[in-house]
Amino acid sequence: MNFIEEELLKIDDKVDFIASPCNTIHWITPEIRKMTSRPFIAIHEEVVKEIVSLNVKKVGILSTKTTVGAHFYQDELRKHHVGFETLCDADEEKLDSLIWSKMLHGKELESMRVLLKKYVAQFKRHGCDGVILACTELPLFISQEDVDVRLFSSTHILARSVVERVFEK
């Protein structure tokens, strides 16, 4: 039994459902669902559900290298016939480095904002009509008021889904 399975077993009979605000953990969504009898609200599924409901045709994905490399957002978008674009390797490396080595330590915060705005504009030029902020902290640095392309904050979408789930009983 692994750590995640042990932790899920501890809470399985104490909760109605499980959700995690960390995008990266969702690469093991199928495994998590096998380990628990409780529903697991997957952040990428909730984000794509909103994208589809708004009839968005193509989105850019901003995330850590681990998240984009696991392809779970891309796979979910493909299932719903939504086009997507990711950063080139060099830009993905730059964003990932800024997230892990600077942003999470409270450094170069303005650099993060400038870089995110640059990447959103780049996605727009490539035909994206929306951009997924697929890293929990990214909405702290860029908001809808900063850009003219629809932003999909995975954090906010998951939070709304959790609240809706709580009050549907």
N, C-alpha and C. Protein backbone atom coordinates (compact mmCIF):
# COMPACT_ATOMS: atom_id res chain seq x y z
N MET A 1 0.86 -1.18 0.00
CA MET A 1 0.00 0.00 0.00
C MET A 1 0.90 1.24 0.00
N ASN A 2 0.58 2.21 -0.84
CA ASN A 2 1.39 3.42 -0.91
C ASN A 2 0.81 4.52 -0.01
N PHE A 3 1.55 5.61 0.08
CA PHE A 3 1.17 6.72 0.96
C PHE A 3 -0.22 7.27 0.64
N ILE A 4 -0.49 7.49 -0.65
CA ILE A 4 -1.78 8.06 -1.04
C ILE A 4 -2.92 7.12 -0.65
N GLU A 5 -2.74 5.85 -0.93
CA GLU A 5 -3.77 4.87 -0.58
C GLU A 5 -4.01 4.83 0.93
N GLU A 6 -2.94 4.89 1.72
CA GLU A 6 -3.08 4.91 3.17
C GLU A 6 -3.86 6.13 3.64
N GLU A 7 -3.55 7.29 3.07
CA GLU A 7 -4.24 8.51 3.46
C GLU A 7 -5.72 8.48 3.05
N LEU A 8 -6.00 7.96 1.86
CA LEU A 8 -7.39 7.86 1.41
C LEU A 8 -8.19 6.91 2.30
N LEU A 9 -7.58 5.83 2.71
CA LEU A 9 -8.28 4.89 3.59
C LEU A 9 -8.63 5.52 4.94
N LYS A 10 -7.77 6.42 5.42
CA LYS A 10 -8.03 7.09 6.70
C LYS A 10 -9.28 7.97 6.65
N ILE A 11 -9.55 8.55 5.47
CA ILE A 11 -10.67 9.50 5.39
C ILE A 11 -11.88 8.96 4.66
N ASP A 12 -11.75 7.81 4.03
CA ASP A 12 -12.79 7.30 3.14
C ASP A 12 -14.18 7.29 3.77
N ASP A 13 -14.29 6.90 5.00
CA ASP A 13 -15.62 6.82 5.62
C ASP A 13 -16.01 8.12 6.33
N LYS A 14 -15.17 9.15 6.21
CA LYS A 14 -15.44 10.41 6.91
C LYS A 14 -15.83 11.56 5.97
N VAL A 15 -15.76 11.31 4.66
CA VAL A 15 -16.04 12.38 3.70
C VAL A 15 -17.05 11.92 2.66
N ASP A 16 -17.70 12.90 2.03
CA ASP A 16 -18.65 12.59 0.95
C ASP A 16 -17.96 12.50 -0.40
N PHE A 17 -16.87 13.27 -0.58
CA PHE A 17 -16.11 13.26 -1.82
C PHE A 17 -14.71 13.79 -1.52
N ILE A 18 -13.83 13.68 -2.52
CA ILE A 18 -12.44 14.12 -2.37
C ILE A 18 -12.12 15.07 -3.51
N ALA A 19 -11.37 16.12 -3.20
CA ALA A 19 -10.89 17.06 -4.21
C ALA A 19 -9.50 17.52 -3.80
N SER A 20 -8.68 17.82 -4.78
CA SER A 20 -7.34 18.35 -4.51
C SER A 20 -7.09 19.56 -5.39
N PRO A 21 -6.64 20.68 -4.80
CA PRO A 21 -6.38 21.88 -5.60
C PRO A 21 -5.06 21.80 -6.37
N CYS A 22 -4.26 20.79 -6.12
CA CYS A 22 -2.98 20.65 -6.84
C CYS A 22 -3.24 20.01 -8.20
N ASN A 23 -2.91 20.71 -9.26
CA ASN A 23 -3.11 20.18 -10.60
C ASN A 23 -2.27 18.93 -10.85
N THR A 24 -1.03 18.96 -10.43
CA THR A 24 -0.09 17.89 -10.75
C THR A 24 -0.55 16.52 -10.26
N ILE A 25 -1.17 16.45 -9.09
CA ILE A 25 -1.61 15.16 -8.54
C ILE A 25 -2.64 14.49 -9.44
N HIS A 26 -3.30 15.26 -10.27
CA HIS A 26 -4.38 14.71 -11.09
C HIS A 26 -3.91 13.78 -12.21
N TRP A 27 -2.62 13.68 -12.41
CA TRP A 27 -2.14 12.73 -13.41
C TRP A 27 -2.42 11.30 -12.98
N ILE A 28 -2.71 11.11 -11.68
CA ILE A 28 -3.05 9.77 -11.19
C ILE A 28 -4.53 9.65 -10.83
N THR A 29 -5.36 10.46 -11.44
CA THR A 29 -6.81 10.41 -11.18
C THR A 29 -7.38 9.00 -11.28
N PRO A 30 -7.09 8.23 -12.33
CA PRO A 30 -7.66 6.88 -12.40
C PRO A 30 -7.25 6.00 -11.20
N GLU A 31 -6.00 6.12 -10.78
CA GLU A 31 -5.54 5.34 -9.64
C GLU A 31 -6.21 5.77 -8.35
N ILE A 32 -6.36 7.08 -8.16
CA ILE A 32 -7.04 7.59 -6.96
C ILE A 32 -8.46 7.05 -6.91
N ARG A 33 -9.13 7.09 -8.04
CA ARG A 33 -10.52 6.61 -8.07
C ARG A 33 -10.62 5.12 -7.74
N LYS A 34 -9.60 4.36 -8.06
CA LYS A 34 -9.60 2.93 -7.71
C LYS A 34 -9.34 2.71 -6.22
N MET A 35 -8.69 3.66 -5.56
CA MET A 35 -8.29 3.51 -4.17
C MET A 35 -9.37 3.92 -3.17
N THR A 36 -10.42 4.56 -3.63
CA THR A 36 -11.43 5.07 -2.71
C THR A 36 -12.84 4.79 -3.22
N SER A 37 -13.74 4.67 -2.29
CA SER A 37 -15.14 4.48 -2.68
C SER A 37 -15.84 5.84 -2.86
N ARG A 38 -15.17 6.91 -2.49
CA ARG A 38 -15.75 8.25 -2.59
C ARG A 38 -15.46 8.86 -3.95
N PRO A 39 -16.36 9.70 -4.45
CA PRO A 39 -16.10 10.39 -5.72
C PRO A 39 -14.87 11.30 -5.58
N PHE A 40 -14.06 11.31 -6.60
CA PHE A 40 -12.90 12.20 -6.67
C PHE A 40 -13.19 13.24 -7.74
N ILE A 41 -13.27 14.50 -7.33
CA ILE A 41 -13.54 15.60 -8.26
C ILE A 41 -12.21 15.98 -8.90
N ALA A 42 -12.06 15.68 -10.17
CA ALA A 42 -10.81 15.93 -10.88
C ALA A 42 -10.81 17.34 -11.44
N ILE A 43 -9.79 18.09 -11.10
CA ILE A 43 -9.69 19.49 -11.49
C ILE A 43 -9.74 19.66 -13.01
N HIS A 44 -9.04 18.82 -13.75
CA HIS A 44 -9.00 18.97 -15.21
C HIS A 44 -10.35 18.66 -15.84
N GLU A 45 -11.09 17.73 -15.26
CA GLU A 45 -12.42 17.43 -15.80
C GLU A 45 -13.38 18.60 -15.57
N GLU A 46 -13.28 19.24 -14.41
CA GLU A 46 -14.13 20.39 -14.11
C GLU A 46 -13.80 21.57 -15.02
N VAL A 47 -12.50 21.80 -15.25
CA VAL A 47 -12.08 22.90 -16.12
C VAL A 47 -12.60 22.67 -17.54
N VAL A 48 -12.40 21.47 -18.05
CA VAL A 48 -12.83 21.18 -19.42
C VAL A 48 -14.35 21.24 -19.54
N LYS A 49 -15.05 20.81 -18.50
CA LYS A 49 -16.51 20.90 -18.51
C LYS A 49 -16.94 22.36 -18.70
N GLU A 50 -16.28 23.28 -18.00
CA GLU A 50 -16.62 24.70 -18.16
C GLU A 50 -16.25 25.22 -19.55
N ILE A 51 -15.11 24.82 -20.05
CA ILE A 51 -14.68 25.23 -21.39
C ILE A 51 -15.71 24.79 -22.43
N VAL A 52 -16.14 23.55 -22.33
CA VAL A 52 -17.13 23.00 -23.27
C VAL A 52 -18.45 23.74 -23.13
N SER A 53 -18.87 24.03 -21.90
CA SER A 53 -20.15 24.71 -21.69
C SER A 53 -20.16 26.11 -22.29
N LEU A 54 -18.99 26.71 -22.41
CA LEU A 54 -18.88 28.05 -22.98
C LEU A 54 -18.55 28.02 -24.47
N ASN A 55 -18.52 26.81 -25.03
CA ASN A 55 -18.28 26.62 -26.46
C ASN A 55 -16.94 27.19 -26.93
N VAL A 56 -15.94 27.10 -26.08
CA VAL A 56 -14.60 27.53 -26.43
C VAL A 56 -13.98 26.47 -27.33
N LYS A 57 -13.37 26.90 -28.41
CA LYS A 57 -12.88 25.96 -29.43
C LYS A 57 -11.41 25.57 -29.27
N LYS A 58 -10.60 26.51 -28.72
CA LYS A 58 -9.18 26.23 -28.58
C LYS A 58 -8.63 26.98 -27.38
N VAL A 59 -7.83 26.29 -26.56
CA VAL A 59 -7.25 26.91 -25.37
C VAL A 59 -5.75 26.68 -25.32
N GLY A 60 -5.09 27.58 -24.63
CA GLY A 60 -3.68 27.40 -24.29
C GLY A 60 -3.62 26.83 -22.88
N ILE A 61 -2.56 26.11 -22.57
CA ILE A 61 -2.40 25.51 -21.25
C ILE A 61 -1.12 26.06 -20.62
N LEU A 62 -1.26 26.73 -19.47
CA LEU A 62 -0.12 27.21 -18.71
C LEU A 62 -0.04 26.39 -17.42
N SER A 63 1.10 25.73 -17.23
CA SER A 63 1.24 24.85 -16.07
C SER A 63 2.71 24.54 -15.84
N THR A 64 2.94 23.70 -14.84
CA THR A 64 4.29 23.18 -14.64
C THR A 64 4.59 22.17 -15.74
N LYS A 65 5.87 21.86 -15.91
CA LYS A 65 6.27 20.85 -16.90
C LYS A 65 5.66 19.49 -16.55
N THR A 66 5.56 19.19 -15.28
CA THR A 66 5.00 17.90 -14.87
C THR A 66 3.55 17.78 -15.30
N THR A 67 2.77 18.81 -15.07
CA THR A 67 1.36 18.78 -15.43
C THR A 67 1.19 18.68 -16.94
N VAL A 68 1.84 19.54 -17.68
CA VAL A 68 1.68 19.50 -19.14
C VAL A 68 2.27 18.21 -19.70
N GLY A 69 3.33 17.71 -19.10
CA GLY A 69 3.96 16.48 -19.57
C GLY A 69 3.14 15.23 -19.32
N ALA A 70 2.24 15.28 -18.34
CA ALA A 70 1.39 14.12 -18.03
C ALA A 70 0.20 14.02 -18.99
N HIS A 71 -0.09 15.08 -19.71
CA HIS A 71 -1.10 15.09 -20.79
C HIS A 71 -2.55 14.91 -20.33
N PHE A 72 -2.85 14.97 -19.04
CA PHE A 72 -4.23 14.73 -18.63
C PHE A 72 -5.16 15.85 -19.06
N TYR A 73 -4.69 17.10 -19.09
CA TYR A 73 -5.52 18.18 -19.63
C TYR A 73 -5.73 17.96 -21.13
N GLN A 74 -4.66 17.67 -21.85
CA GLN A 74 -4.76 17.47 -23.29
C GLN A 74 -5.70 16.30 -23.62
N ASP A 75 -5.60 15.22 -22.86
CA ASP A 75 -6.46 14.05 -23.11
C ASP A 75 -7.93 14.39 -22.88
N GLU A 76 -8.20 15.14 -21.82
CA GLU A 76 -9.58 15.52 -21.52
C GLU A 76 -10.12 16.48 -22.58
N LEU A 77 -9.29 17.41 -23.03
CA LEU A 77 -9.70 18.33 -24.09
C LEU A 77 -10.00 17.57 -25.38
N ARG A 78 -9.15 16.62 -25.72
CA ARG A 78 -9.36 15.81 -26.93
C ARG A 78 -10.69 15.06 -26.86
N LYS A 79 -11.01 14.50 -25.67
CA LYS A 79 -12.27 13.75 -25.52
C LYS A 79 -13.47 14.62 -25.88
N HIS A 80 -13.34 15.92 -25.68
CA HIS A 80 -14.44 16.84 -25.93
C HIS A 80 -14.23 17.67 -27.20
N HIS A 81 -13.26 17.27 -28.00
CA HIS A 81 -12.99 17.91 -29.29
C HIS A 81 -12.67 19.40 -29.17
N VAL A 82 -11.92 19.73 -28.14
CA VAL A 82 -11.46 21.11 -27.95
C VAL A 82 -9.98 21.15 -28.33
N GLY A 83 -9.62 22.09 -29.19
CA GLY A 83 -8.23 22.26 -29.58
C GLY A 83 -7.43 22.85 -28.45
N PHE A 84 -6.13 22.65 -28.48
CA PHE A 84 -5.29 23.20 -27.43
C PHE A 84 -3.89 23.45 -27.96
N GLU A 85 -3.18 24.27 -27.21
CA GLU A 85 -1.78 24.55 -27.51
C GLU A 85 -1.03 24.62 -26.19
N THR A 86 0.19 24.14 -26.22
CA THR A 86 1.07 24.25 -25.05
C THR A 86 2.28 25.09 -25.46
N LEU A 87 3.04 25.48 -24.48
CA LEU A 87 4.23 26.27 -24.76
C LEU A 87 5.30 25.40 -25.43
N CYS A 88 6.18 26.03 -26.17
CA CYS A 88 7.32 25.29 -26.71
C CYS A 88 8.21 24.89 -25.53
N ASP A 89 9.10 23.96 -25.75
CA ASP A 89 9.93 23.43 -24.66
C ASP A 89 10.71 24.52 -23.92
N ALA A 90 11.28 25.46 -24.65
CA ALA A 90 12.08 26.52 -24.02
C ALA A 90 11.21 27.40 -23.12
N ASP A 91 10.02 27.77 -23.60
CA ASP A 91 9.11 28.59 -22.80
C ASP A 91 8.58 27.81 -21.61
N GLU A 92 8.28 26.53 -21.82
CA GLU A 92 7.80 25.69 -20.72
C GLU A 92 8.87 25.58 -19.64
N GLU A 93 10.10 25.44 -20.04
CA GLU A 93 11.23 25.36 -19.10
C GLU A 93 11.35 26.67 -18.32
N LYS A 94 11.22 27.78 -19.01
CA LYS A 94 11.32 29.10 -18.37
C LYS A 94 10.20 29.29 -17.33
N LEU A 95 8.97 28.95 -17.71
CA LEU A 95 7.84 29.08 -16.79
C LEU A 95 8.01 28.14 -15.60
N ASP A 96 8.38 26.91 -15.86
CA ASP A 96 8.55 25.93 -14.80
C ASP A 96 9.64 26.38 -13.82
N SER A 97 10.73 26.86 -14.34
CA SER A 97 11.82 27.34 -13.49
C SER A 97 11.38 28.51 -12.63
N LEU A 98 10.64 29.42 -13.22
CA LEU A 98 10.16 30.57 -12.47
C LEU A 98 9.19 30.14 -11.36
N ILE A 99 8.33 29.17 -11.66
CA ILE A 99 7.39 28.67 -10.65
C ILE A 99 8.15 28.05 -9.49
N TRP A 100 9.02 27.10 -9.77
CA TRP A 100 9.67 26.32 -8.71
C TRP A 100 10.79 27.05 -7.99
N SER A 101 11.59 27.80 -8.72
CA SER A 101 12.76 28.40 -8.07
C SER A 101 12.53 29.82 -7.57
N LYS A 102 11.52 30.48 -8.07
CA LYS A 102 11.31 31.88 -7.68
C LYS A 102 9.95 32.10 -7.03
N MET A 103 8.87 31.85 -7.77
CA MET A 103 7.53 32.19 -7.31
C MET A 103 7.18 31.55 -5.98
N LEU A 104 7.46 30.26 -5.83
CA LEU A 104 7.10 29.58 -4.60
C LEU A 104 7.93 30.05 -3.40
N HIS A 105 8.96 30.83 -3.69
CA HIS A 105 9.79 31.39 -2.62
C HIS A 105 9.55 32.90 -2.48
N GLY A 106 8.52 33.40 -3.15
CA GLY A 106 8.16 34.81 -3.03
C GLY A 106 9.07 35.75 -3.78
N LYS A 107 9.81 35.24 -4.77
CA LYS A 107 10.75 36.06 -5.52
C LYS A 107 10.27 36.24 -6.96
N GLU A 108 10.67 37.35 -7.57
CA GLU A 108 10.40 37.63 -8.98
C GLU A 108 8.92 37.56 -9.34
N LEU A 109 8.08 38.06 -8.44
CA LEU A 109 6.65 37.98 -8.66
C LEU A 109 6.19 38.82 -9.84
N GLU A 110 6.79 39.98 -10.03
CA GLU A 110 6.44 40.82 -11.18
C GLU A 110 6.89 40.15 -12.48
N SER A 111 8.02 39.46 -12.43
CA SER A 111 8.49 38.72 -13.61
C SER A 111 7.47 37.67 -14.02
N MET A 112 6.86 37.03 -13.04
CA MET A 112 5.85 36.00 -13.33
C MET A 112 4.65 36.64 -14.03
N ARG A 113 4.19 37.76 -13.53
CA ARG A 113 3.04 38.45 -14.13
C ARG A 113 3.33 38.84 -15.58
N VAL A 114 4.49 39.40 -15.82
CA VAL A 114 4.88 39.82 -17.17
C VAL A 114 4.97 38.60 -18.10
N LEU A 115 5.58 37.54 -17.61
CA LEU A 115 5.73 36.33 -18.42
C LEU A 115 4.37 35.71 -18.76
N LEU A 116 3.48 35.64 -17.79
CA LEU A 116 2.15 35.07 -18.03
C LEU A 116 1.38 35.89 -19.06
N LYS A 117 1.44 37.20 -18.96
CA LYS A 117 0.76 38.06 -19.94
C LYS A 117 1.34 37.83 -21.34
N LYS A 118 2.65 37.66 -21.42
CA LYS A 118 3.30 37.39 -22.70
C LYS A 118 2.79 36.07 -23.29
N TYR A 119 2.72 35.04 -22.47
CA TYR A 119 2.29 33.73 -22.97
C TYR A 119 0.81 33.73 -23.35
N VAL A 120 -0.02 34.44 -22.60
CA VAL A 120 -1.44 34.54 -22.96
C VAL A 120 -1.57 35.23 -24.31
N ALA A 121 -0.85 36.32 -24.52
CA ALA A 121 -0.89 37.03 -25.81
C ALA A 121 -0.40 36.12 -26.95
N GLN A 122 0.62 35.34 -26.67
CA GLN A 122 1.13 34.39 -27.66
C GLN A 122 0.07 33.36 -28.04
N PHE A 123 -0.62 32.81 -27.03
CA PHE A 123 -1.69 31.85 -27.31
C PHE A 123 -2.80 32.50 -28.14
N LYS A 124 -3.13 33.75 -27.83
CA LYS A 124 -4.17 34.45 -28.60
C LYS A 124 -3.75 34.58 -30.06
N ARG A 125 -2.51 34.94 -30.29
CA ARG A 125 -2.00 35.07 -31.67
C ARG A 125 -2.08 33.73 -32.40
N HIS A 126 -2.03 32.63 -31.66
CA HIS A 126 -2.08 31.29 -32.26
C HIS A 126 -3.51 30.74 -32.33
N GLY A 127 -4.50 31.63 -32.13
CA GLY A 127 -5.88 31.24 -32.33
C GLY A 127 -6.62 30.71 -31.12
N CYS A 128 -6.02 30.82 -29.94
CA CYS A 128 -6.71 30.35 -28.72
C CYS A 128 -7.72 31.39 -28.27
N ASP A 129 -8.92 30.95 -27.93
CA ASP A 129 -9.92 31.87 -27.39
C ASP A 129 -10.07 31.70 -25.89
N GLY A 130 -9.14 30.98 -25.27
CA GLY A 130 -9.10 30.82 -23.82
C GLY A 130 -7.75 30.28 -23.41
N VAL A 131 -7.42 30.47 -22.12
CA VAL A 131 -6.17 29.95 -21.57
C VAL A 131 -6.46 29.35 -20.20
N ILE A 132 -6.01 28.12 -20.02
CA ILE A 132 -6.16 27.43 -18.73
C ILE A 132 -4.97 27.77 -17.85
N LEU A 133 -5.26 28.28 -16.67
CA LEU A 133 -4.23 28.48 -15.65
C LEU A 133 -4.20 27.19 -14.83
N ALA A 134 -3.38 26.25 -15.27
CA ALA A 134 -3.38 24.89 -14.72
C ALA A 134 -2.28 24.70 -13.68
N CYS A 135 -2.07 25.73 -12.89
CA CYS A 135 -1.17 25.67 -11.74
C CYS A 135 -1.87 26.49 -10.66
N THR A 136 -2.00 25.93 -9.50
CA THR A 136 -2.79 26.53 -8.42
C THR A 136 -2.45 28.00 -8.18
N GLU A 137 -1.18 28.36 -8.25
CA GLU A 137 -0.77 29.71 -7.88
C GLU A 137 -0.88 30.74 -9.00
N LEU A 138 -1.02 30.33 -10.23
CA LEU A 138 -1.00 31.28 -11.35
C LEU A 138 -2.06 32.38 -11.25
N PRO A 139 -3.28 32.10 -10.77
CA PRO A 139 -4.27 33.18 -10.67
C PRO A 139 -3.88 34.28 -9.68
N LEU A 140 -2.85 34.06 -8.89
CA LEU A 140 -2.36 35.12 -8.00
C LEU A 140 -1.59 36.18 -8.77
N PHE A 141 -1.19 35.87 -10.00
CA PHE A 141 -0.34 36.75 -10.77
C PHE A 141 -0.98 37.35 -12.01
N ILE A 142 -2.08 36.77 -12.44
CA ILE A 142 -2.74 37.28 -13.64
C ILE A 142 -4.24 37.09 -13.46
N SER A 143 -4.99 38.08 -13.89
CA SER A 143 -6.45 38.00 -13.78
C SER A 143 -7.09 38.38 -15.11
N GLN A 144 -8.38 38.19 -15.18
CA GLN A 144 -9.10 38.49 -16.41
C GLN A 144 -8.93 39.94 -16.83
N GLU A 145 -8.78 40.85 -15.87
CA GLU A 145 -8.62 42.27 -16.18
C GLU A 145 -7.29 42.55 -16.89
N ASP A 146 -6.33 41.64 -16.78
CA ASP A 146 -5.01 41.84 -17.37
C ASP A 146 -4.93 41.48 -18.86
N VAL A 147 -5.89 40.71 -19.34
CA VAL A 147 -5.79 40.17 -20.71
C VAL A 147 -7.15 40.21 -21.39
N ASP A 148 -7.13 40.07 -22.72
CA ASP A 148 -8.39 40.09 -23.47
C ASP A 148 -8.74 38.71 -24.03
N VAL A 149 -8.26 37.68 -23.39
CA VAL A 149 -8.60 36.29 -23.71
C VAL A 149 -9.17 35.68 -22.44
N ARG A 150 -10.17 34.85 -22.60
CA ARG A 150 -10.82 34.22 -21.44
C ARG A 150 -9.83 33.35 -20.67
N LEU A 151 -9.68 33.61 -19.36
CA LEU A 151 -8.83 32.79 -18.50
C LEU A 151 -9.68 31.79 -17.75
N PHE A 152 -9.18 30.57 -17.65
CA PHE A 152 -9.85 29.51 -16.90
C PHE A 152 -8.94 29.14 -15.73
N SER A 153 -9.26 29.70 -14.57
CA SER A 153 -8.48 29.42 -13.36
C SER A 153 -8.91 28.06 -12.82
N SER A 154 -8.02 27.08 -12.90
CA SER A 154 -8.36 25.75 -12.40
C SER A 154 -8.71 25.81 -10.92
N THR A 155 -8.03 26.65 -10.18
CA THR A 155 -8.27 26.80 -8.74
C THR A 155 -9.70 27.27 -8.48
N HIS A 156 -10.11 28.32 -9.18
CA HIS A 156 -11.45 28.88 -8.96
C HIS A 156 -12.55 27.94 -9.45
N ILE A 157 -12.30 27.28 -10.56
CA ILE A 157 -13.30 26.35 -11.10
C ILE A 157 -13.49 25.17 -10.15
N LEU A 158 -12.39 24.63 -9.64
CA LEU A 158 -12.51 23.52 -8.69
C LEU A 158 -13.22 23.98 -7.42
N ALA A 159 -12.88 25.15 -6.91
CA ALA A 159 -13.53 25.65 -5.69
C ALA A 159 -15.03 25.78 -5.90
N ARG A 160 -15.43 26.32 -7.03
CA ARG A 160 -16.86 26.46 -7.32
C ARG A 160 -17.53 25.08 -7.41
N SER A 161 -16.87 24.13 -8.04
CA SER A 161 -17.42 22.77 -8.15
C SER A 161 -17.59 22.12 -6.79
N VAL A 162 -16.63 22.34 -5.91
CA VAL A 162 -16.71 21.78 -4.55
C VAL A 162 -17.89 22.40 -3.80
N VAL A 163 -18.01 23.71 -3.87
CA VAL A 163 -19.12 24.39 -3.18
C VAL A 163 -20.46 23.90 -3.73
N GLU A 164 -20.56 23.80 -5.04
CA GLU A 164 -21.81 23.28 -5.63
C GLU A 164 -22.11 21.88 -5.15
N ARG A 165 -21.09 21.06 -5.07
CA ARG A 165 -21.28 19.66 -4.60
C ARG A 165 -21.74 19.63 -3.15
N VAL A 166 -21.16 20.50 -2.32
CA VAL A 166 -21.52 20.55 -0.90
C VAL A 166 -22.99 20.93 -0.74
N PHE A 167 -23.44 21.89 -1.54
CA PHE A 167 -24.81 22.39 -1.34
C PHE A 167 -25.86 21.70 -2.19
N GLU A 168 -25.50 20.67 -2.93
CA GLU A 168 -26.51 20.00 -3.74
C GLU A 168 -27.32 19.00 -2.92
N LYS A 169 -26.95 18.75 -1.69
CA LYS A 169 -27.70 17.79 -0.86
C LYS A 169 -28.84 18.45 -0.14
